Amino acid sequence: MTDWVGLYNYWIVVFLMIAGLYIVIARGNLIKKLVGLNVFQASVFILYITMGKIVGGTAPILDEGIKIYSNPVPHVLILTAIVVGVATAAVGLALVVRINEEFGTIEEDELEEQERQT
């Protein structure tokens, strides 16, 4: 039983992935879809950071007596991914604003209805 408890980070990742995917699929509002994508993205960030941490590992600075080092590459990749994610979210929000200005709605169903009418 204690093996399951020690993996709480992975349970959080699974929950956030399922929640984010559900929001993207089940909601018709474009803003909610962007929020769902960001939740899913955050779960991937947590997964990479969790896998990159070694228990008892230190920063990769050479020093006498230290034998276990944590790999810094996953953390650096996630920092880059966060910047890209923020930029992507900003572009997505700008597109939603333009869609709202053009069509007067951000609901998927109403947009499809307007498309059928034209």
PDB file of N, CA and C in Angstrom:
ATOM      1  N   MET A   1       0.824  -1.202   0.000  1.00  0.00           N
ATOM      2  CA  MET A   1       0.000   0.000   0.000  1.00  0.00           C
ATOM      3  C   MET A   1       0.862   1.258   0.000  1.00  0.00           C
ATOM      4  N   THR A   2       1.986   1.207   0.674  1.00  0.00           N
ATOM      5  CA  THR A   2       2.824   2.390   0.754  1.00  0.00           C
ATOM      6  C   THR A   2       3.453   2.722  -0.594  1.00  0.00           C
ATOM      7  N   ASP A   3       3.560   1.735  -1.487  1.00  0.00           N
ATOM      8  CA  ASP A   3       4.103   2.026  -2.813  1.00  0.00           C
ATOM      9  C   ASP A   3       3.204   2.993  -3.567  1.00  0.00           C
ATOM     10  N   TRP A   4       1.893   2.877  -3.409  1.00  0.00           N
ATOM     11  CA  TRP A   4       0.957   3.755  -4.103  1.00  0.00           C
ATOM     12  C   TRP A   4       1.003   5.168  -3.534  1.00  0.00           C
ATOM     13  N   VAL A   5       1.189   5.256  -2.235  1.00  0.00           N
ATOM     14  CA  VAL A   5       1.201   6.564  -1.593  1.00  0.00           C
ATOM     15  C   VAL A   5       2.446   7.351  -2.003  1.00  0.00           C
ATOM     16  N   GLY A   6       3.559   6.687  -2.171  1.00  0.00           N
ATOM     17  CA  GLY A   6       4.800   7.350  -2.538  1.00  0.00           C
ATOM     18  C   GLY A   6       4.808   7.903  -3.944  1.00  0.00           C
ATOM     19  N   LEU A   7       3.836   7.512  -4.742  1.00  0.00           N
ATOM     20  CA  LEU A   7       3.762   7.961  -6.129  1.00  0.00           C
ATOM     21  C   LEU A   7       2.707   9.044  -6.309  1.00  0.00           C
ATOM     22  N   TYR A   8       2.504   9.874  -5.304  1.00  0.00           N
ATOM     23  CA  TYR A   8       1.436  10.871  -5.360  1.00  0.00           C
ATOM     24  C   TYR A   8       1.637  11.865  -6.504  1.00  0.00           C
ATOM     25  N   ASN A   9       2.889  12.167  -6.876  1.00  0.00           N
ATOM     26  CA  ASN A   9       3.111  13.076  -8.007  1.00  0.00           C
ATOM     27  C   ASN A   9       2.506  12.512  -9.285  1.00  0.00           C
ATOM     28  N   TYR A  10       2.656  11.213  -9.475  1.00  0.00           N
ATOM     29  CA  TYR A  10       2.110  10.595 -10.680  1.00  0.00           C
ATOM     30  C   TYR A  10       0.585  10.585 -10.657  1.00  0.00           C
ATOM     31  N   TRP A  11      -0.001  10.434  -9.477  1.00  0.00           N
ATOM     32  CA  TRP A  11      -1.464  10.501  -9.374  1.00  0.00           C
ATOM     33  C   TRP A  11      -1.958  11.905  -9.708  1.00  0.00           C
ATOM     34  N   ILE A  12      -1.214  12.903  -9.280  1.00  0.00           N
ATOM     35  CA  ILE A  12      -1.573  14.284  -9.613  1.00  0.00           C
ATOM     36  C   ILE A  12      -1.481  14.493 -11.119  1.00  0.00           C
ATOM     37  N   VAL A  13      -0.433  13.958 -11.734  1.00  0.00           N
ATOM     38  CA  VAL A  13      -0.262  14.075 -13.185  1.00  0.00           C
ATOM     39  C   VAL A  13      -1.432  13.431 -13.915  1.00  0.00           C
ATOM     40  N   VAL A  14      -1.795  12.224 -13.506  1.00  0.00           N
ATOM     41  CA  VAL A  14      -2.912  11.524 -14.162  1.00  0.00           C
ATOM     42  C   VAL A  14      -4.204  12.305 -13.996  1.00  0.00           C
ATOM     43  N   PHE A  15      -4.470  12.805 -12.788  1.00  0.00           N
ATOM     44  CA  PHE A  15      -5.690  13.567 -12.559  1.00  0.00           C
ATOM     45  C   PHE A  15      -5.734  14.827 -13.423  1.00  0.00           C
ATOM     46  N   LEU A  16      -4.619  15.563 -13.472  1.00  0.00           N
ATOM     47  CA  LEU A  16      -4.591  16.797 -14.265  1.00  0.00           C
ATOM     48  C   LEU A  16      -4.721  16.507 -15.759  1.00  0.00           C
ATOM     49  N   MET A  17      -4.106  15.418 -16.217  1.00  0.00           N
ATOM     50  CA  MET A  17      -4.233  15.065 -17.639  1.00  0.00           C
ATOM     51  C   MET A  17      -5.672  14.729 -17.993  1.00  0.00           C
ATOM     52  N   ILE A  18      -6.303  13.942 -17.158  1.00  0.00           N
ATOM     53  CA  ILE A  18      -7.695  13.562 -17.424  1.00  0.00           C
ATOM     54  C   ILE A  18      -8.598  14.793 -17.345  1.00  0.00           C
ATOM     55  N   ALA A  19      -8.375  15.649 -16.346  1.00  0.00           N
ATOM     56  CA  ALA A  19      -9.198  16.856 -16.209  1.00  0.00           C
ATOM     57  C   ALA A  19      -9.007  17.782 -17.397  1.00  0.00           C
ATOM     58  N   GLY A  20      -7.768  17.992 -17.811  1.00  0.00           N
ATOM     59  CA  GLY A  20      -7.503  18.854 -18.953  1.00  0.00           C
ATOM     60  C   GLY A  20      -8.100  18.315 -20.239  1.00  0.00           C
ATOM     61  N   LEU A  21      -7.952  17.017 -20.467  1.00  0.00           N
ATOM     62  CA  LEU A  21      -8.523  16.405 -21.666  1.00  0.00           C
ATOM     63  C   LEU A  21     -10.041  16.473 -21.647  1.00  0.00           C
ATOM     64  N   TYR A  22     -10.640  16.261 -20.476  1.00  0.00           N
ATOM     65  CA  TYR A  22     -12.093  16.351 -20.362  1.00  0.00           C
ATOM     66  C   TYR A  22     -12.581  17.764 -20.671  1.00  0.00           C
ATOM     67  N   ILE A  23     -11.884  18.768 -20.148  1.00  0.00           N
ATOM     68  CA  ILE A  23     -12.286  20.151 -20.399  1.00  0.00           C
ATOM     69  C   ILE A  23     -12.219  20.464 -21.885  1.00  0.00           C
ATOM     70  N   VAL A  24     -11.159  20.016 -22.545  1.00  0.00           N
ATOM     71  CA  VAL A  24     -11.013  20.281 -23.980  1.00  0.00           C
ATOM     72  C   VAL A  24     -12.120  19.618 -24.781  1.00  0.00           C
ATOM     73  N   ILE A  25     -12.463  18.386 -24.431  1.00  0.00           N
ATOM     74  CA  ILE A  25     -13.452  17.634 -25.209  1.00  0.00           C
ATOM     75  C   ILE A  25     -14.878  18.053 -24.877  1.00  0.00           C
ATOM     76  N   ALA A  26     -15.184  18.253 -23.608  1.00  0.00           N
ATOM     77  CA  ALA A  26     -16.571  18.427 -23.176  1.00  0.00           C
ATOM     78  C   ALA A  26     -17.083  19.859 -23.273  1.00  0.00           C
ATOM     79  N   ARG A  27     -16.228  20.830 -23.291  1.00  0.00           N
ATOM     80  CA  ARG A  27     -16.671  22.218 -23.271  1.00  0.00           C
ATOM     81  C   ARG A  27     -16.655  22.808 -24.669  1.00  0.00           C
ATOM     82  N   GLY A  28     -17.634  23.662 -24.948  1.00  0.00           N
ATOM     83  CA  GLY A  28     -17.727  24.301 -26.244  1.00  0.00           C
ATOM     84  C   GLY A  28     -17.185  25.717 -26.260  1.00  0.00           C
ATOM     85  N   ASN A  29     -16.909  26.262 -25.102  1.00  0.00           N
ATOM     86  CA  ASN A  29     -16.393  27.626 -24.999  1.00  0.00           C
ATOM     87  C   ASN A  29     -14.900  27.617 -25.324  1.00  0.00           C
ATOM     88  N   LEU A  30     -14.468  28.496 -26.198  1.00  0.00           N
ATOM     89  CA  LEU A  30     -13.076  28.501 -26.637  1.00  0.00           C
ATOM     90  C   LEU A  30     -12.105  28.867 -25.519  1.00  0.00           C
ATOM     91  N   ILE A  31     -12.526  29.757 -24.610  1.00  0.00           N
ATOM     92  CA  ILE A  31     -11.672  30.112 -23.466  1.00  0.00           C
ATOM     93  C   ILE A  31     -11.486  28.897 -22.562  1.00  0.00           C
ATOM     94  N   LYS A  32     -12.565  28.162 -22.320  1.00  0.00           N
ATOM     95  CA  LYS A  32     -12.464  26.967 -21.480  1.00  0.00           C
ATOM     96  C   LYS A  32     -11.573  25.915 -22.125  1.00  0.00           C
ATOM     97  N   LYS A  33     -11.618  25.821 -23.443  1.00  0.00           N
ATOM     98  CA  LYS A  33     -10.732  24.894 -24.140  1.00  0.00           C
ATOM     99  C   LYS A  33      -9.268  25.288 -23.949  1.00  0.00           C
ATOM    100  N   LEU A  34      -8.974  26.580 -24.009  1.00  0.00           N
ATOM    101  CA  LEU A  34      -7.603  27.033 -23.766  1.00  0.00           C
ATOM    102  C   LEU A  34      -7.165  26.741 -22.331  1.00  0.00           C
ATOM    103  N   VAL A  35      -8.071  26.914 -21.384  1.00  0.00           N
ATOM    104  CA  VAL A  35      -7.752  26.593 -19.989  1.00  0.00           C
ATOM    105  C   VAL A  35      -7.481  25.094 -19.853  1.00  0.00           C
ATOM    106  N   GLY A  36      -8.284  24.274 -20.513  1.00  0.00           N
ATOM    107  CA  GLY A  36      -8.069  22.828 -20.485  1.00  0.00           C
ATOM    108  C   GLY A  36      -6.722  22.438 -21.066  1.00  0.00           C
ATOM    109  N   LEU A  37      -6.330  23.080 -22.160  1.00  0.00           N
ATOM    110  CA  LEU A  37      -5.017  22.821 -22.747  1.00  0.00           C
ATOM    111  C   LEU A  37      -3.897  23.218 -21.786  1.00  0.00           C
ATOM    112  N   ASN A  38      -4.077  24.321 -21.080  1.00  0.00           N
ATOM    113  CA  ASN A  38      -3.061  24.751 -20.116  1.00  0.00           C
ATOM    114  C   ASN A  38      -2.984  23.810 -18.917  1.00  0.00           C
ATOM    115  N   VAL A  39      -4.111  23.276 -18.478  1.00  0.00           N
ATOM    116  CA  VAL A  39      -4.104  22.295 -17.384  1.00  0.00           C
ATOM    117  C   VAL A  39      -3.378  21.030 -17.839  1.00  0.00           C
ATOM    118  N   PHE A  40      -3.675  20.577 -19.054  1.00  0.00           N
ATOM    119  CA  PHE A  40      -3.001  19.397 -19.596  1.00  0.00           C
ATOM    120  C   PHE A  40      -1.503  19.655 -19.704  1.00  0.00           C
ATOM    121  N   GLN A  41      -1.143  20.836 -20.152  1.00  0.00           N
ATOM    122  CA  GLN A  41       0.261  21.200 -20.292  1.00  0.00           C
ATOM    123  C   GLN A  41       0.960  21.213 -18.925  1.00  0.00           C
ATOM    124  N   ALA A  42       0.298  21.711 -17.924  1.00  0.00           N
ATOM    125  CA  ALA A  42       0.877  21.732 -16.577  1.00  0.00           C
ATOM    126  C   ALA A  42       1.118  20.314 -16.062  1.00  0.00           C
ATOM    127  N   SER A  43       0.239  19.388 -16.413  1.00  0.00           N
ATOM    128  CA  SER A  43       0.445  18.002 -15.987  1.00  0.00           C
ATOM    129  C   SER A  43       1.695  17.412 -16.636  1.00  0.00           C
ATOM    130  N   VAL A  44       1.949  17.767 -17.885  1.00  0.00           N
ATOM    131  CA  VAL A  44       3.167  17.292 -18.548  1.00  0.00           C
ATOM    132  C   VAL A  44       4.403  17.896 -17.886  1.00  0.00           C
ATOM    133  N   PHE A  45       4.319  19.164 -17.497  1.00  0.00           N
ATOM    134  CA  PHE A  45       5.431  19.797 -16.796  1.00  0.00           C
ATOM    135  C   PHE A  45       5.738  19.059 -15.499  1.00  0.00           C
ATOM    136  N   ILE A  46       4.711  18.760 -14.730  1.00  0.00           N
ATOM    137  CA  ILE A  46       4.901  18.056 -13.458  1.00  0.00           C
ATOM    138  C   ILE A  46       5.493  16.678 -13.699  1.00  0.00           C
ATOM    139  N   LEU A  47       5.048  15.998 -14.750  1.00  0.00           N
ATOM    140  CA  LEU A  47       5.580  14.669 -15.060  1.00  0.00           C
ATOM    141  C   LEU A  47       7.074  14.733 -15.359  1.00  0.00           C
ATOM    142  N   TYR A  48       7.495  15.659 -16.199  1.00  0.00           N
ATOM    143  CA  TYR A  48       8.913  15.764 -16.534  1.00  0.00           C
ATOM    144  C   TYR A  48       9.756  16.138 -15.322  1.00  0.00           C
ATOM    145  N   ILE A  49       9.279  17.060 -14.511  1.00  0.00           N
ATOM    146  CA  ILE A  49      10.044  17.464 -13.333  1.00  0.00           C
ATOM    147  C   ILE A  49      10.130  16.313 -12.338  1.00  0.00           C
ATOM    148  N   THR A  50       9.048  15.561 -12.190  1.00  0.00           N
ATOM    149  CA  THR A  50       9.056  14.412 -11.280  1.00  0.00           C
ATOM    150  C   THR A  50      10.058  13.363 -11.728  1.00  0.00           C
ATOM    151  N   MET A  51      10.095  13.100 -13.027  1.00  0.00           N
ATOM    152  CA  MET A  51      11.026  12.088 -13.522  1.00  0.00           C
ATOM    153  C   MET A  51      12.472  12.578 -13.452  1.00  0.00           C
ATOM    154  N   GLY A  52      12.682  13.885 -13.478  1.00  0.00           N
ATOM    155  CA  GLY A  52      14.040  14.421 -13.467  1.00  0.00           C
ATOM    156  C   GLY A  52      14.673  14.495 -12.093  1.00  0.00           C
ATOM    157  N   LYS A  53      13.881  14.365 -11.043  1.00  0.00           N
ATOM    158  CA  LYS A  53      14.418  14.474  -9.684  1.00  0.00           C
ATOM    159  C   LYS A  53      14.846  13.102  -9.174  1.00  0.00           C
ATOM    160  N   ILE A  54      16.050  13.042  -8.655  1.00  0.00           N
ATOM    161  CA  ILE A  54      16.572  11.818  -8.057  1.00  0.00           C
ATOM    162  C   ILE A  54      16.631  12.031  -6.554  1.00  0.00           C
ATOM    163  N   VAL A  55      16.073  11.098  -5.794  1.00  0.00           N
ATOM    164  CA  VAL A  55      16.077  11.211  -4.335  1.00  0.00           C
ATOM    165  C   VAL A  55      17.517  11.147  -3.839  1.00  0.00           C
ATOM    166  N   GLY A  56      17.904  12.133  -3.089  1.00  0.00           N
ATOM    167  CA  GLY A  56      19.255  12.186  -2.559  1.00  0.00           C
ATOM    168  C   GLY A  56      20.250  12.823  -3.504  1.00  0.00           C
ATOM    169  N   GLY A  57      19.801  13.170  -4.703  1.00  0.00           N
ATOM    170  CA  GLY A  57      20.693  13.784  -5.676  1.00  0.00           C
ATOM    171  C   GLY A  57      20.883  15.260  -5.404  1.00  0.00           C
ATOM    172  N   THR A  58      22.033  15.769  -5.778  1.00  0.00           N
ATOM    173  CA  THR A  58      22.323  17.180  -5.605  1.00  0.00           C
ATOM    174  C   THR A  58      22.486  17.831  -6.973  1.00  0.00           C
ATOM    175  N   ALA A  59      22.690  19.127  -6.963  1.00  0.00           N
ATOM    176  CA  ALA A  59      22.935  19.847  -8.211  1.00  0.00           C
ATOM    177  C   ALA A  59      24.225  19.314  -8.830  1.00  0.00           C
ATOM    178  N   PRO A  60      24.295  19.301 -10.150  1.00  0.00           N
ATOM    179  CA  PRO A  60      25.476  18.708 -10.803  1.00  0.00           C
ATOM    180  C   PRO A  60      26.706  19.621 -10.739  1.00  0.00           C
ATOM    181  N   ILE A  61      27.174  19.852  -9.541  1.00  0.00           N
ATOM    182  CA  ILE A  61      28.396  20.622  -9.316  1.00  0.00           C
ATOM    183  C   ILE A  61      29.413  19.658  -8.727  1.00  0.00           C
ATOM    184  N   LEU A  62      30.533  19.515  -9.405  1.00  0.00           N
ATOM    185  CA  LEU A  62      31.535  18.553  -8.959  1.00  0.00           C
ATOM    186  C   LEU A  62      32.110  18.968  -7.614  1.00  0.00           C
ATOM    187  N   ASP A  63      32.050  18.023  -6.698  1.00  0.00           N
ATOM    188  CA  ASP A  63      32.574  18.256  -5.366  1.00  0.00           C
ATOM    189  C   ASP A  63      32.955  16.903  -4.791  1.00  0.00           C
ATOM    190  N   GLU A  64      33.918  16.886  -3.919  1.00  0.00           N
ATOM    191  CA  GLU A  64      34.348  15.624  -3.330  1.00  0.00           C
ATOM    192  C   GLU A  64      33.275  15.097  -2.387  1.00  0.00           C
ATOM    193  N   GLY A  65      33.055  13.812  -2.433  1.00  0.00           N
ATOM    194  CA  GLY A  65      32.107  13.173  -1.541  1.00  0.00           C
ATOM    195  C   GLY A  65      30.691  13.066  -2.088  1.00  0.00           C
ATOM    196  N   ILE A  66      30.399  13.735  -3.170  1.00  0.00           N
ATOM    197  CA  ILE A  66      29.054  13.658  -3.754  1.00  0.00           C
ATOM    198  C   ILE A  66      29.083  12.634  -4.880  1.00  0.00           C
ATOM    199  N   LYS A  67      28.200  11.663  -4.793  1.00  0.00           N
ATOM    200  CA  LYS A  67      28.187  10.593  -5.784  1.00  0.00           C
ATOM    201  C   LYS A  67      26.905  10.559  -6.615  1.00  0.00           C
ATOM    202  N   ILE A  68      25.826  11.172  -6.119  1.00  0.00           N
ATOM    203  CA  ILE A  68      24.539  11.132  -6.823  1.00  0.00           C
ATOM    204  C   ILE A  68      24.164  12.553  -7.241  1.00  0.00           C
ATOM    205  N   TYR A  69      23.951  12.713  -8.538  1.00  0.00           N
ATOM    206  CA  TYR A  69      23.584  14.017  -9.087  1.00  0.00           C
ATOM    207  C   TYR A  69      22.218  13.940  -9.743  1.00  0.00           C
ATOM    208  N   SER A  70      21.456  15.018  -9.642  1.00  0.00           N
ATOM    209  CA  SER A  70      20.185  15.125 -10.375  1.00  0.00           C
ATOM    210  C   SER A  70      20.470  15.696 -11.753  1.00  0.00           C
ATOM    211  N   ASN A  71      19.733  15.209 -12.735  1.00  0.00           N
ATOM    212  CA  ASN A  71      19.903  15.681 -14.107  1.00  0.00           C
ATOM    213  C   ASN A  71      19.177  17.016 -14.277  1.00  0.00           C
ATOM    214  N   PRO A  72      19.860  18.089 -14.691  1.00  0.00           N
ATOM    215  CA  PRO A  72      19.207  19.387 -14.832  1.00  0.00           C
ATOM    216  C   PRO A  72      18.471  19.557 -16.164  1.00  0.00           C
ATOM    217  N   VAL A  73      18.680  18.664 -17.117  1.00  0.00           N
ATOM    218  CA  VAL A  73      18.103  18.840 -18.457  1.00  0.00           C
ATOM    219  C   VAL A  73      16.575  18.887 -18.433  1.00  0.00           C
ATOM    220  N   PRO A  74      15.866  17.982 -17.724  1.00  0.00           N
ATOM    221  CA  PRO A  74      14.400  18.087 -17.714  1.00  0.00           C
ATOM    222  C   PRO A  74      13.899  19.422 -17.169  1.00  0.00           C
ATOM    223  N   HIS A  75      14.564  19.965 -16.169  1.00  0.00           N
ATOM    224  CA  HIS A  75      14.147  21.237 -15.590  1.00  0.00           C
ATOM    225  C   HIS A  75      14.352  22.378 -16.579  1.00  0.00           C
ATOM    226  N   VAL A  76      15.463  22.340 -17.303  1.00  0.00           N
ATOM    227  CA  VAL A  76      15.726  23.372 -18.298  1.00  0.00           C
ATOM    228  C   VAL A  76      14.713  23.275 -19.440  1.00  0.00           C
ATOM    229  N   LEU A  77      14.403  22.061 -19.864  1.00  0.00           N
ATOM    230  CA  LEU A  77      13.405  21.874 -20.920  1.00  0.00           C
ATOM    231  C   LEU A  77      12.043  22.406 -20.487  1.00  0.00           C
ATOM    232  N   ILE A  78      11.694  22.198 -19.247  1.00  0.00           N
ATOM    233  CA  ILE A  78      10.405  22.667 -18.754  1.00  0.00           C
ATOM    234  C   ILE A  78      10.376  24.188 -18.678  1.00  0.00           C
ATOM    235  N   LEU A  79      11.470  24.818 -18.308  1.00  0.00           N
ATOM    236  CA  LEU A  79      11.504  26.284 -18.319  1.00  0.00           C
ATOM    237  C   LEU A  79      11.247  26.813 -19.726  1.00  0.00           C
ATOM    238  N   THR A  80      11.861  26.178 -20.709  1.00  0.00           N
ATOM    239  CA  THR A  80      11.623  26.576 -22.094  1.00  0.00           C
ATOM    240  C   THR A  80      10.181  26.310 -22.484  1.00  0.00           C
ATOM    241  N   ALA A  81       9.648  25.163 -22.076  1.00  0.00           N
ATOM    242  CA  ALA A  81       8.264  24.811 -22.415  1.00  0.00           C
ATOM    243  C   ALA A  81       7.272  25.769 -21.767  1.00  0.00           C
ATOM    244  N   ILE A  82       7.571  26.258 -20.575  1.00  0.00           N
ATOM    245  CA  ILE A  82       6.684  27.223 -19.922  1.00  0.00           C
ATOM    246  C   ILE A  82       6.622  28.511 -20.726  1.00  0.00           C
ATOM    247  N   VAL A  83       7.770  28.973 -21.198  1.00  0.00           N
ATOM    248  CA  VAL A  83       7.794  30.198 -22.004  1.00  0.00           C
ATOM    249  C   VAL A  83       7.000  29.997 -23.292  1.00  0.00           C
ATOM    250  N   VAL A  84       7.208  28.862 -23.945  1.00  0.00           N
ATOM    251  CA  VAL A  84       6.463  28.572 -25.174  1.00  0.00           C
ATOM    252  C   VAL A  84       4.972  28.437 -24.875  1.00  0.00           C
ATOM    253  N   GLY A  85       4.622  27.825 -23.747  1.00  0.00           N
ATOM    254  CA  GLY A  85       3.219  27.671 -23.368  1.00  0.00           C
ATOM    255  C   GLY A  85       2.536  29.000 -23.117  1.00  0.00           C
ATOM    256  N   VAL A  86       3.232  29.919 -22.466  1.00  0.00           N
ATOM    257  CA  VAL A  86       2.652  31.240 -22.221  1.00  0.00           C
ATOM    258  C   VAL A  86       2.438  31.972 -23.541  1.00  0.00           C
ATOM    259  N   ALA A  87       3.407  31.870 -24.438  1.00  0.00           N
ATOM    260  CA  ALA A  87       3.265  32.526 -25.747  1.00  0.00           C
ATOM    261  C   ALA A  87       2.116  31.902 -26.544  1.00  0.00           C
ATOM    262  N   THR A  88       2.003  30.591 -26.496  1.00  0.00           N
ATOM    263  CA  THR A  88       0.914  29.907 -27.201  1.00  0.00           C
ATOM    264  C   THR A  88      -0.440  30.294 -26.628  1.00  0.00           C
ATOM    265  N   ALA A  89      -0.531  30.380 -25.308  1.00  0.00           N
ATOM    266  CA  ALA A  89      -1.788  30.795 -24.678  1.00  0.00           C
ATOM    267  C   ALA A  89      -2.146  32.220 -25.070  1.00  0.00           C
ATOM    268  N   ALA A  90      -1.145  33.086 -25.155  1.00  0.00           N
ATOM    269  CA  ALA A  90      -1.407  34.475 -25.549  1.00  0.00           C
ATOM    270  C   ALA A  90      -1.919  34.547 -26.979  1.00  0.00           C
ATOM    271  N   VAL A  91      -1.322  33.766 -27.876  1.00  0.00           N
ATOM    272  CA  VAL A  91      -1.794  33.743 -29.265  1.00  0.00           C
ATOM    273  C   VAL A  91      -3.204  33.176 -29.335  1.00  0.00           C
ATOM    274  N   GLY A  92      -3.455  32.114 -28.555  1.00  0.00           N
ATOM    275  CA  GLY A  92      -4.796  31.532 -28.536  1.00  0.00           C
ATOM    276  C   GLY A  92      -5.836  32.517 -28.033  1.00  0.00           C
ATOM    277  N   LEU A  93      -5.513  33.251 -26.978  1.00  0.00           N
ATOM    278  CA  LEU A  93      -6.446  34.250 -26.458  1.00  0.00           C
ATOM    279  C   LEU A  93      -6.661  35.380 -27.456  1.00  0.00           C
ATOM    280  N   ALA A  94      -5.604  35.775 -28.160  1.00  0.00           N
ATOM    281  CA  ALA A  94      -5.754  36.816 -29.179  1.00  0.00           C
ATOM    282  C   ALA A  94      -6.669  36.325 -30.302  1.00  0.00           C
ATOM    283  N   LEU A  95      -6.543  35.063 -30.679  1.00  0.00           N
ATOM    284  CA  LEU A  95      -7.430  34.505 -31.704  1.00  0.00           C
ATOM    285  C   LEU A  95      -8.883  34.464 -31.226  1.00  0.00           C
ATOM    286  N   VAL A  96      -9.071  34.119 -29.960  1.00  0.00           N
ATOM    287  CA  VAL A  96     -10.433  34.092 -29.411  1.00  0.00           C
ATOM    288  C   VAL A  96     -11.038  35.495 -29.425  1.00  0.00           C
ATOM    289  N   VAL A  97     -10.239  36.496 -29.091  1.00  0.00           N
ATOM    290  CA  VAL A  97     -10.728  37.881 -29.130  1.00  0.00           C
ATOM    291  C   VAL A  97     -11.133  38.255 -30.549  1.00  0.00           C
ATOM    292  N   ARG A  98     -10.309  37.898 -31.536  1.00  0.00           N
ATOM    293  CA  ARG A  98     -10.637  38.203 -32.943  1.00  0.00           C
ATOM    294  C   ARG A  98     -11.886  37.456 -33.392  1.00  0.00           C
ATOM    295  N   ILE A  99     -12.020  36.196 -32.987  1.00  0.00           N
ATOM    296  CA  ILE A  99     -13.213  35.417 -33.332  1.00  0.00           C
ATOM    297  C   ILE A  99     -14.442  36.067 -32.724  1.00  0.00           C
ATOM    298  N   ASN A 100     -14.332  36.524 -31.475  1.00  0.00           N
ATOM    299  CA  ASN A 100     -15.461  37.175 -30.817  1.00  0.00           C
ATOM    300  C   ASN A 100     -15.826  38.480 -31.516  1.00  0.00           C
ATOM    301  N   GLU A 101     -14.825  39.244 -31.945  1.00  0.00           N
ATOM    302  CA  GLU A 101     -15.108  40.489 -32.659  1.00  0.00           C
ATOM    303  C   GLU A 101     -15.786  40.222 -34.001  1.00  0.00           C
ATOM    304  N   GLU A 102     -15.350  39.182 -34.668  1.00  0.00           N
ATOM    305  CA  GLU A 102     -15.868  38.890 -36.010  1.00  0.00           C
ATOM    306  C   GLU A 102     -17.249  38.243 -35.980  1.00  0.00           C
ATOM    307  N   PHE A 103     -17.441  37.276 -35.076  1.00  0.00           N
ATOM    308  CA  PHE A 103     -18.667  36.493 -35.077  1.00  0.00           C
ATOM    309  C   PHE A 103     -19.598  36.785 -33.906  1.00  0.00           C
ATOM    310  N   GLY A 104     -19.118  37.500 -32.900  1.00  0.00           N
ATOM    311  CA  GLY A 104     -19.963  37.854 -31.772  1.00  0.00           C
ATOM    312  C   GLY A 104     -20.164  36.742 -30.760  1.00  0.00           C
ATOM    313  N   THR A 105     -19.393  35.676 -30.840  1.00  0.00           N
ATOM    314  CA  THR A 105     -19.522  34.572 -29.892  1.00  0.00           C
ATOM    315  C   THR A 105     -18.202  33.807 -29.817  1.00  0.00           C
ATOM    316  N   ILE A 106     -18.041  33.084 -28.701  1.00  0.00           N
ATOM    317  CA  ILE A 106     -16.890  32.196 -28.575  1.00  0.00           C
ATOM    318  C   ILE A 106     -17.342  30.769 -28.289  1.00  0.00           C
ATOM    319  N   GLU A 107     -18.623  30.516 -28.482  1.00  0.00           N
ATOM    320  CA  GLU A 107     -19.169  29.170 -28.310  1.00  0.00           C
ATOM    321  C   GLU A 107     -19.054  28.405 -29.624  1.00  0.00           C
ATOM    322  N   GLU A 108     -18.528  27.189 -29.560  1.00  0.00           N
ATOM    323  CA  GLU A 108     -18.324  26.380 -30.755  1.00  0.00           C
ATOM    324  C   GLU A 108     -19.622  26.106 -31.512  1.00  0.00           C
ATOM    325  N   ASP A 109     -20.678  25.773 -30.777  1.00  0.00           N
ATOM    326  CA  ASP A 109     -21.954  25.443 -31.408  1.00  0.00           C
ATOM    327  C   ASP A 109     -22.504  26.631 -32.207  1.00  0.00           C
ATOM    328  N   GLU A 110     -22.428  27.810 -31.625  1.00  0.00           N
ATOM    329  CA  GLU A 110     -22.932  29.001 -32.307  1.00  0.00           C
ATOM    330  C   GLU A 110     -22.076  29.339 -33.532  1.00  0.00           C
ATOM    331  N   LEU A 111     -20.776  29.110 -33.437  1.00  0.00           N
ATOM    332  CA  LEU A 111     -19.904  29.355 -34.588  1.00  0.00           C
ATOM    333  C   LEU A 111     -20.231  28.392 -35.734  1.00  0.00           C
ATOM    334  N   GLU A 112     -20.472  27.128 -35.403  1.00  0.00           N
ATOM    335  CA  GLU A 112     -20.839  26.150 -36.429  1.00  0.00           C
ATOM    336  C   GLU A 112     -22.186  26.502 -37.047  1.00  0.00           C
ATOM    337  N   GLU A 113     -23.110  26.980 -36.232  1.00  0.00           N
ATOM    338  CA  GLU A 113     -24.428  27.378 -36.740  1.00  0.00           C
ATOM    339  C   GLU A 113     -24.296  28.550 -37.708  1.00  0.00           C
ATOM    340  N   GLN A 114     -23.459  29.523 -37.364  1.00  0.00           N
ATOM    341  CA  GLN A 114     -23.238  30.663 -38.261  1.00  0.00           C
ATOM    342  C   GLN A 114     -22.567  30.226 -39.557  1.00  0.00           C
ATOM    343  N   GLU A 115     -21.691  29.235 -39.475  1.00  0.00           N
ATOM    344  CA  GLU A 115     -21.018  28.729 -40.667  1.00  0.00           C
ATOM    345  C   GLU A 115     -22.017  28.038 -41.606  1.00  0.00           C
ATOM    346  N   ARG A 116     -22.953  27.295 -41.031  1.00  0.00           N
ATOM    347  CA  ARG A 116     -23.974  26.618 -41.839  1.00  0.00           C
ATOM    348  C   ARG A 116     -24.909  27.611 -42.540  1.00  0.00           C
ATOM    349  N   GLN A 117     -25.161  28.728 -41.889  1.00  0.00           N
ATOM    350  CA  GLN A 117     -26.085  29.713 -42.442  1.00  0.00           C
ATOM    351  C   GLN A 117     -25.463  30.494 -43.598  1.00  0.00           C
ATOM    352  N   THR A 118     -24.160  30.548 -43.689  1.00  0.00           N
ATOM    353  CA  THR A 118     -23.534  31.310 -44.776  1.00  0.00           C
ATOM    354  C   THR A 118     -23.234  30.458 -45.987  1.00  0.00           C
TER     355      THR A 118
END
